[in-house]
Amino acid sequence: MRTDTYTALTKPPQEGTPLIFAFHGTGGDETQFFELAGQLLPGAGIVSPRGDVSEMGAARFFRRTSEGVYDMEDLARRTEAMARYVAEHKARNLGSPVYGFGYSNGANILASVTMGHPDLFDRVGLLHPLIPWKPTPNPGLAGTRVLIAAGRRDPICPWPLTEGLIDWYAKQGAEVATEIHDGGHDLRQPELLALKVLFSAV
């Protein structure tokens, strides 16, 4: 079973600990959140893949035609590729809960995977996601713990779309927590603390 679809930094989980997937933002790489993942939950396994799309040299997880306008066919293909990648790692770590978090473009690919494959992740942190399409309802997300963190004045991720995403996950039966600040697209300490709470809560 292959787990080499993406260039990635990985660390195996200690017995009884979760496996955490960390997804970088546009222009980041596999190093962006690798150390953070280890700080969030010491002892956990980590899989931090690099996006395999280049946008003028910046790594991403799927293509877009302009800011906020996604190539939906490409997104669909790459969502399925990422879902297979996660499933392969999950199969190699049976017994470990699977958590994931992503920022910006990383949050978008993670959200897209959860929408189509709700069985892959037990807990999910979406940091400044932008989901400009209307997702298909999926009751398989019932009980999944989801954190959505955002800025009310984010010029990249308009607040009404974030509100709609929060509402969508809640309607699927997910256990939704939020961490919202009055700024823009910047990550702030309370968001990281909320992510740590999400992953460390019993």
Protein backbone atom coordinates (compact mmCIF):
# COMPACT_ATOMS: atom_id res chain seq x y z
CA MET A 1 0.00 0.00 0.00
CA ARG A 2 1.55 3.31 -1.12
CA THR A 3 1.96 6.33 1.11
CA ASP A 4 4.44 8.18 -1.11
CA THR A 5 1.93 10.15 -3.21
CA TYR A 6 3.19 13.43 -1.74
CA THR A 7 6.51 14.73 -0.55
CA ALA A 8 5.99 14.81 3.21
CA LEU A 9 7.55 14.96 6.63
CA THR A 10 6.28 12.13 8.82
CA LYS A 11 6.67 10.79 12.32
CA PRO A 12 5.05 7.56 13.59
CA PRO A 13 2.66 7.82 16.55
CA GLN A 14 3.54 6.45 19.94
CA GLU A 15 1.27 3.65 21.04
CA GLY A 16 -2.23 4.91 21.83
CA THR A 17 -1.71 8.41 20.39
CA PRO A 18 -3.44 10.00 17.39
CA LEU A 19 -2.07 10.53 13.90
CA ILE A 20 -2.17 14.22 12.94
CA PHE A 21 -2.24 15.48 9.36
CA ALA A 22 -0.97 19.06 8.90
CA PHE A 23 -1.80 20.96 5.69
CA HIS A 24 0.10 24.13 4.82
CA GLY A 25 -1.20 27.30 3.21
CA THR A 26 -0.38 28.62 -0.26
CA GLY A 27 3.37 29.07 -0.57
CA GLY A 28 4.11 26.90 2.44
CA ASP A 29 5.54 23.41 2.43
CA GLU A 30 5.79 20.28 4.55
CA THR A 31 7.86 22.14 7.18
CA GLN A 32 5.33 24.92 7.86
CA PHE A 33 3.29 23.15 10.54
CA PHE A 34 5.32 20.01 11.27
CA GLU A 35 6.77 21.33 14.55
CA LEU A 36 3.46 22.91 15.53
CA ALA A 37 1.72 19.55 15.14
CA GLY A 38 4.21 18.03 17.56
CA GLN A 39 3.63 20.82 20.05
CA LEU A 40 -0.13 20.45 19.88
CA LEU A 41 -0.04 16.85 21.01
CA PRO A 42 3.37 15.47 22.04
CA GLY A 43 3.81 11.83 21.12
CA ALA A 44 1.30 11.97 18.29
CA GLY A 45 2.22 10.81 14.83
CA ILE A 46 2.50 13.47 12.15
CA VAL A 47 1.97 13.48 8.39
CA SER A 48 2.73 16.85 6.83
CA PRO A 49 2.43 16.69 3.01
CA ARG A 50 3.52 19.29 0.49
CA GLY A 51 0.90 20.40 -2.02
CA ASP A 52 1.64 19.07 -5.50
CA VAL A 53 0.34 22.08 -7.45
CA SER A 54 2.62 25.01 -8.24
CA GLU A 55 1.11 28.47 -8.64
CA MET A 56 3.95 30.68 -9.88
CA GLY A 57 6.29 28.68 -7.66
CA ALA A 58 3.97 28.60 -4.63
CA ALA A 59 2.89 25.13 -3.50
CA ARG A 60 -0.86 24.48 -3.25
CA PHE A 61 -3.13 21.46 -2.93
CA PHE A 62 -5.34 22.28 -5.95
CA ARG A 63 -5.56 24.75 -8.80
CA ARG A 64 -7.48 28.00 -8.95
CA THR A 65 -8.11 30.40 -11.81
CA SER A 66 -8.00 33.53 -9.64
CA GLU A 67 -8.29 34.56 -5.98
CA GLY A 68 -11.29 32.70 -4.56
CA VAL A 69 -12.18 31.05 -7.90
CA TYR A 70 -11.35 27.35 -7.87
CA ASP A 71 -10.82 24.89 -10.70
CA MET A 72 -13.56 22.60 -9.41
CA GLU A 73 -12.63 19.64 -11.63
CA ASP A 74 -9.06 19.81 -10.38
CA LEU A 75 -10.27 20.17 -6.80
CA ALA A 76 -12.41 17.05 -7.19
CA ARG A 77 -9.49 15.02 -8.54
CA ARG A 78 -7.06 16.17 -5.91
CA THR A 79 -9.59 15.71 -3.11
CA GLU A 80 -9.89 12.04 -4.09
CA ALA A 81 -6.10 11.69 -4.30
CA MET A 82 -5.71 13.19 -0.83
CA ALA A 83 -8.49 11.00 0.56
CA ARG A 84 -6.66 7.91 -0.71
CA TYR A 85 -3.41 9.19 0.81
CA VAL A 86 -5.03 9.73 4.21
CA ALA A 87 -6.73 6.32 4.04
CA GLU A 88 -3.41 4.61 3.30
CA HIS A 89 -1.75 6.21 6.31
CA LYS A 90 -4.78 5.41 8.45
CA ALA A 91 -4.57 1.74 7.42
CA ARG A 92 -0.92 1.66 8.49
CA ASN A 93 -1.78 3.06 11.91
CA LEU A 94 -4.79 1.02 12.94
CA GLY A 95 -6.00 1.95 16.40
CA SER A 96 -4.79 5.56 16.20
CA PRO A 97 -7.47 8.24 15.94
CA VAL A 98 -6.87 10.49 12.94
CA TYR A 99 -6.85 14.27 13.40
CA GLY A 100 -6.18 16.95 10.82
CA PHE A 101 -5.67 20.69 10.61
CA GLY A 102 -4.94 23.07 7.79
CA TYR A 103 -4.51 26.77 7.18
CA SER A 104 -6.01 28.64 4.20
CA ASN A 105 -5.48 26.43 1.12
CA GLY A 106 -4.63 23.56 3.47
CA ALA A 107 -7.90 24.10 5.33
CA ASN A 108 -9.75 24.04 2.00
CA ILE A 109 -8.39 20.68 0.86
CA LEU A 110 -9.01 19.24 4.33
CA ALA A 111 -12.59 20.51 4.35
CA SER A 112 -13.18 19.10 0.88
CA VAL A 113 -11.89 15.68 1.98
CA THR A 114 -14.15 15.65 5.05
CA MET A 115 -17.17 16.59 2.95
CA GLY A 116 -16.73 13.58 0.70
CA HIS A 117 -15.09 11.14 3.11
CA PRO A 118 -16.42 11.82 6.61
CA ASP A 119 -15.03 8.54 7.95
CA LEU A 120 -11.37 9.54 7.58
CA PHE A 121 -10.97 12.14 10.34
CA ASP A 122 -12.12 12.10 13.95
CA ARG A 123 -11.20 15.74 14.68
CA VAL A 124 -10.59 18.57 12.24
CA GLY A 125 -9.22 22.09 12.60
CA LEU A 126 -9.99 24.47 9.73
CA LEU A 127 -7.98 27.68 10.05
CA HIS A 128 -9.23 30.45 7.75
CA PRO A 129 -11.00 28.20 5.23
CA LEU A 130 -12.67 29.49 2.07
CA ILE A 131 -15.39 27.22 0.69
CA PRO A 132 -17.13 29.23 -2.08
CA TRP A 133 -19.32 26.36 -3.27
CA LYS A 134 -22.41 24.81 -1.67
CA PRO A 135 -21.40 21.43 -0.22
CA THR A 136 -23.64 18.40 -0.55
CA PRO A 137 -25.13 17.36 2.82
CA ASN A 138 -23.30 14.44 4.45
CA PRO A 139 -24.75 13.06 7.69
CA GLY A 140 -21.65 10.88 8.05
CA LEU A 141 -20.03 13.90 9.75
CA ALA A 142 -22.29 13.51 12.79
CA GLY A 143 -20.15 13.43 15.90
CA THR A 144 -16.97 14.65 14.21
CA ARG A 145 -15.31 17.41 16.23
CA VAL A 146 -14.67 20.44 14.01
CA LEU A 147 -12.93 23.71 14.89
CA ILE A 148 -13.34 26.64 12.50
CA ALA A 149 -11.08 29.63 13.14
CA ALA A 150 -11.34 32.85 11.16
CA GLY A 151 -11.04 36.62 11.04
CA ARG A 152 -14.17 38.73 10.59
CA ARG A 153 -12.26 41.13 8.31
CA ASP A 154 -10.38 38.50 6.34
CA PRO A 155 -10.08 39.87 2.77
CA ILE A 156 -9.41 36.36 1.40
CA CYS A 157 -12.15 34.47 3.25
CA PRO A 158 -15.28 36.67 3.48
CA TRP A 159 -17.05 36.35 6.81
CA PRO A 160 -20.48 35.41 5.36
CA LEU A 161 -18.90 32.35 3.69
CA THR A 162 -17.26 31.37 6.98
CA GLU A 163 -20.59 31.69 8.76
CA GLY A 164 -22.17 29.52 6.10
CA LEU A 165 -19.49 26.86 6.58
CA ILE A 166 -19.97 26.85 10.36
CA ASP A 167 -23.68 26.43 9.84
CA TRP A 168 -23.18 23.65 7.27
CA TYR A 169 -21.03 21.51 9.57
CA ALA A 170 -23.48 22.04 12.44
CA LYS A 171 -26.36 20.89 10.24
CA GLN A 172 -24.47 17.67 9.48
CA GLY A 173 -24.37 16.91 13.20
CA ALA A 174 -20.70 17.75 13.70
CA GLU A 175 -19.61 19.08 17.09
CA VAL A 176 -18.52 22.54 15.97
CA ALA A 177 -16.31 24.93 17.94
CA THR A 178 -15.20 28.34 16.68
CA GLU A 179 -12.41 30.80 17.39
CA ILE A 180 -13.05 34.13 15.71
CA HIS A 181 -11.01 37.34 15.87
CA ASP A 182 -11.68 40.79 14.41
CA GLY A 183 -8.66 40.76 12.13
CA GLY A 184 -7.85 39.37 8.73
CA HIS A 185 -6.11 36.29 7.36
CA ASP A 186 -3.47 36.18 10.09
CA LEU A 187 -3.20 33.25 12.50
CA ARG A 188 -3.35 34.34 16.12
CA GLN A 189 -2.41 32.64 19.36
CA PRO A 190 -6.00 32.02 20.55
CA GLU A 191 -6.63 30.03 17.36
CA LEU A 192 -3.65 27.78 18.06
CA LEU A 193 -4.75 27.38 21.66
CA ALA A 194 -8.22 26.38 20.46
CA LEU A 195 -6.60 23.84 18.13
CA LYS A 196 -4.61 22.41 21.03
CA VAL A 197 -7.80 22.11 23.09
CA LEU A 198 -9.53 20.34 20.23
CA PHE A 199 -6.77 17.75 19.90
CA SER A 200 -6.06 17.22 23.60
CA ALA A 201 -9.65 17.05 24.88
CA VAL A 202 -10.83 13.68 26.10
